[in-house]
Amino acid sequence: MVWYPVVLVICYIFGTINRIQNIFSPPIYEIVILHALFQSSQGIGNAIVYGTTPSVQEALGEMVYGKNSAQQNMIDEESNFEPAVELSQSETKY
């Protein structure tokens, strides 16, 4: 939740600078371009922040793996078992 205001400030900073600058002089092309670029990128910024939340990550894991990520981690840990009998060097050669 902390990152949503950060995205908002980043996206609106150039628009605010552009409007204040336009009060005192004609528009500066570079600031207008930055204003348009960052103002239109607020949606993708919010989507990235939303996509990185734990609940969305878990839901995506369920959609991809068909089970929740906690179950997947447990299965992964169980599949990495050590063999009951260790082979000596002489037994592994062909």
Protein backbone atom coordinates (compact mmCIF):
# COMPACT_ATOMS: atom_id res chain seq x y z
CA MET A 1 0.00 0.00 0.00
CA VAL A 2 2.93 2.34 0.57
CA TRP A 3 3.95 2.30 -3.09
CA TYR A 4 0.68 3.66 -4.53
CA PRO A 5 1.34 7.22 -3.27
CA VAL A 6 4.93 6.97 -4.53
CA VAL A 7 3.67 6.10 -8.02
CA LEU A 8 1.18 8.97 -7.81
CA VAL A 9 3.86 11.51 -6.84
CA ILE A 10 6.29 10.29 -9.52
CA CYS A 11 3.60 10.48 -12.20
CA TYR A 12 2.31 13.90 -11.17
CA ILE A 13 5.59 15.70 -10.43
CA PHE A 14 6.30 16.72 -14.03
CA GLY A 15 2.71 17.82 -14.58
CA THR A 16 2.95 20.05 -11.52
CA ILE A 17 6.30 21.48 -12.64
CA ASN A 18 4.90 22.06 -16.14
CA ARG A 19 1.84 23.93 -14.86
CA ILE A 20 3.85 26.12 -12.49
CA GLN A 21 6.39 26.87 -15.23
CA ASN A 22 3.59 27.75 -17.70
CA ILE A 23 2.38 30.49 -15.33
CA PHE A 24 5.62 32.44 -15.72
CA SER A 25 6.79 31.68 -19.29
CA PRO A 26 5.87 29.83 -22.49
CA PRO A 27 5.91 26.02 -22.30
CA ILE A 28 9.24 24.20 -22.46
CA TYR A 29 9.05 21.29 -24.87
CA GLU A 30 11.04 18.82 -22.74
CA ILE A 31 8.86 19.39 -19.67
CA VAL A 32 5.71 18.96 -21.76
CA ILE A 33 7.03 15.64 -23.10
CA LEU A 34 7.95 14.44 -19.58
CA HIS A 35 4.51 15.54 -18.37
CA ALA A 36 2.76 13.53 -21.09
CA LEU A 37 5.00 10.50 -20.64
CA PHE A 38 4.73 10.21 -16.87
CA GLN A 39 1.06 11.19 -16.68
CA SER A 40 0.11 8.39 -19.05
CA SER A 41 2.29 5.83 -17.23
CA GLN A 42 0.35 5.97 -13.96
CA GLY A 43 -1.75 2.96 -14.96
CA ILE A 44 1.24 0.72 -15.63
CA GLY A 45 2.86 1.90 -12.39
CA ASN A 46 -0.26 0.98 -10.41
CA ALA A 47 -0.47 -2.37 -12.22
CA ILE A 48 3.13 -3.18 -11.29
CA VAL A 49 2.53 -2.25 -7.64
CA TYR A 50 -0.69 -4.28 -7.57
CA GLY A 51 0.98 -7.25 -9.27
CA THR A 52 3.71 -7.43 -6.66
CA THR A 53 1.41 -7.73 -3.64
CA PRO A 54 1.57 -11.10 -1.84
CA SER A 55 -2.12 -11.91 -2.37
CA VAL A 56 -1.86 -11.40 -6.13
CA GLN A 57 1.38 -13.41 -6.26
CA GLU A 58 -0.36 -16.27 -4.45
CA ALA A 59 -3.37 -16.12 -6.79
CA LEU A 60 -1.09 -16.16 -9.83
CA GLY A 61 0.74 -19.16 -8.35
CA GLU A 62 -2.58 -20.96 -7.96
CA MET A 63 -3.51 -20.22 -11.57
CA VAL A 64 -0.14 -21.35 -12.92
CA TYR A 65 0.54 -24.36 -10.68
CA GLY A 66 -3.04 -25.33 -9.83
CA LYS A 67 -2.35 -25.10 -6.10
CA ASN A 68 -1.30 -22.42 -3.70
CA SER A 69 2.35 -21.49 -3.35
CA ALA A 70 2.64 -22.88 0.21
CA GLN A 71 1.61 -26.32 -1.04
CA GLN A 72 4.00 -25.99 -3.98
CA ASN A 73 6.89 -25.11 -1.63
CA MET A 74 6.09 -28.14 0.54
CA ILE A 75 6.05 -30.41 -2.51
CA ASP A 76 9.34 -28.95 -3.73
CA GLU A 77 10.97 -29.53 -0.35
CA GLU A 78 9.73 -33.13 -0.21
CA SER A 79 11.03 -33.86 -3.70
CA ASN A 80 14.57 -32.79 -2.74
CA PHE A 81 15.16 -35.74 -0.41
CA GLU A 82 18.53 -37.35 0.22
CA PRO A 83 19.02 -40.95 -0.91
CA ALA A 84 18.94 -43.53 1.88
CA VAL A 85 22.07 -45.28 0.64
CA GLU A 86 25.16 -43.45 -0.53
CA LEU A 87 27.16 -44.98 -3.35
CA SER A 88 30.90 -45.16 -3.07
CA GLN A 89 33.18 -43.86 -5.80
CA SER A 90 33.88 -47.37 -7.12
CA GLU A 91 30.17 -48.17 -7.53
CA THR A 92 29.44 -45.07 -9.60
CA LYS A 93 32.03 -45.83 -12.31
CA TYR A 94 30.86 -47.75 -15.36
